Amino acid sequence: MKTLPVEKEQFMMRVSEIVDQLMSRQKIFQERLDRSTIIKLLIHLLKRLFTPEEIDAIDNQHLTNRIEKIMLLEAVSGTLNELTPAQIEIFDAAVEGR
């Protein structure tokens, strides 16, 4: 069995715990997101944006806020694609101010 470096394992646990907290509080996350998929996405994104030292320096509240925004974007992306033509017309009218 392959073992992970302690830092990577701690980071994965930290992200997983935050995702679990957010998913337990937000029904949209429960309905529209797959836990393991979103955790993998978040880890990938955060590793691209920050060094391990920078990630460690981010306090939990700030990291939670960042993760929540990404999860919200993922949860609502594609929502307009699910609308019926009648719903799209109503949406367009509301956006145009009709």
Protein backbone atom coordinates (compact mmCIF):
# COMPACT_ATOMS: atom_id res chain seq x y z
CA MET A 1 0.00 0.00 0.00
CA LYS A 2 1.28 3.44 -0.95
CA THR A 3 1.56 5.96 1.89
CA LEU A 4 1.12 9.69 1.53
CA PRO A 5 3.48 12.27 2.95
CA VAL A 6 2.16 13.55 6.27
CA GLU A 7 1.63 17.09 4.94
CA LYS A 8 -0.45 15.89 1.99
CA GLU A 9 -2.50 13.61 4.20
CA GLN A 10 -3.14 16.44 6.68
CA PHE A 11 -4.16 18.78 3.84
CA MET A 12 -6.56 16.19 2.43
CA MET A 13 -8.07 15.66 5.88
CA ARG A 14 -8.44 19.40 6.41
CA VAL A 15 -10.24 19.88 3.08
CA SER A 16 -12.39 16.78 3.69
CA GLU A 17 -13.49 18.03 7.10
CA ILE A 18 -14.44 21.45 5.69
CA VAL A 19 -16.37 19.84 2.82
CA ASP A 20 -18.22 17.59 5.27
CA GLN A 21 -19.18 20.59 7.43
CA LEU A 22 -20.41 22.59 4.46
CA MET A 23 -22.31 19.69 2.94
CA SER A 24 -24.07 19.00 6.24
CA ARG A 25 -25.30 22.62 6.38
CA GLN A 26 -26.18 23.27 2.73
CA LYS A 27 -28.84 21.17 1.05
CA ILE A 28 -27.77 22.34 -2.43
CA PHE A 29 -24.34 20.81 -1.86
CA GLN A 30 -25.90 17.52 -0.77
CA GLU A 31 -28.15 17.42 -3.83
CA ARG A 32 -25.76 18.60 -6.53
CA LEU A 33 -22.23 17.63 -5.51
CA ASP A 34 -20.44 14.34 -5.14
CA ARG A 35 -18.29 14.44 -2.02
CA SER A 36 -15.23 12.64 -3.36
CA THR A 37 -15.31 14.49 -6.70
CA ILE A 38 -15.49 17.92 -5.08
CA ILE A 39 -12.71 17.07 -2.63
CA LYS A 40 -10.45 16.00 -5.50
CA LEU A 41 -11.30 19.19 -7.41
CA LEU A 42 -10.64 21.41 -4.39
CA ILE A 43 -7.31 19.78 -3.61
CA HIS A 44 -6.24 20.15 -7.24
CA LEU A 45 -7.28 23.82 -7.39
CA LEU A 46 -5.74 24.78 -4.06
CA LYS A 47 -2.46 23.04 -4.88
CA ARG A 48 -2.30 25.00 -8.14
CA LEU A 49 -2.96 28.32 -6.40
CA PHE A 50 -0.89 27.97 -3.24
CA THR A 51 2.32 26.43 -2.01
CA PRO A 52 2.00 23.92 0.86
CA GLU A 53 3.34 26.58 3.23
CA GLU A 54 0.74 29.10 2.09
CA ILE A 55 -2.05 26.56 2.53
CA ASP A 56 -0.87 25.79 6.06
CA ALA A 57 -0.87 29.52 6.84
CA ILE A 58 -4.51 30.01 5.80
CA ASP A 59 -6.76 29.95 8.86
CA ASN A 60 -9.71 27.57 8.81
CA GLN A 61 -12.36 30.29 8.46
CA HIS A 62 -10.66 31.82 5.44
CA LEU A 63 -10.11 28.41 3.85
CA THR A 64 -13.72 27.47 4.57
CA ASN A 65 -14.92 30.66 2.86
CA ARG A 66 -12.82 29.92 -0.22
CA ILE A 67 -13.97 26.31 -0.37
CA GLU A 68 -17.62 27.30 0.09
CA LYS A 69 -17.44 29.73 -2.85
CA ILE A 70 -15.90 27.10 -5.11
CA MET A 71 -18.50 24.54 -4.03
CA LEU A 72 -21.32 26.99 -4.65
CA LEU A 73 -20.02 27.75 -8.13
CA GLU A 74 -19.78 24.03 -8.89
CA ALA A 75 -23.26 23.38 -7.48
CA VAL A 76 -25.01 26.04 -9.54
CA SER A 77 -23.01 25.75 -12.75
CA GLY A 78 -25.19 24.35 -15.46
CA THR A 79 -28.41 25.29 -13.69
CA LEU A 80 -29.62 27.33 -16.67
CA ASN A 81 -29.12 24.28 -18.91
CA GLU A 82 -31.77 22.44 -16.88
CA LEU A 83 -34.51 25.02 -17.48
CA THR A 84 -37.43 24.39 -19.80
CA PRO A 85 -37.98 26.84 -22.70
CA ALA A 86 -40.79 28.51 -20.74
CA GLN A 87 -38.54 28.91 -17.69
CA ILE A 88 -35.77 30.36 -19.87
CA GLU A 89 -38.22 32.92 -21.25
CA ILE A 90 -39.21 33.95 -17.71
CA PHE A 91 -35.54 34.15 -16.73
CA ASP A 92 -34.65 36.25 -19.77
CA ALA A 93 -37.56 38.59 -19.09
CA ALA A 94 -36.46 39.04 -15.48
CA VAL A 95 -32.86 39.74 -16.49
CA GLU A 96 -33.94 42.26 -19.14
CA GLY A 97 -36.25 43.95 -16.66
CA ARG A 98 -39.46 43.29 -18.58
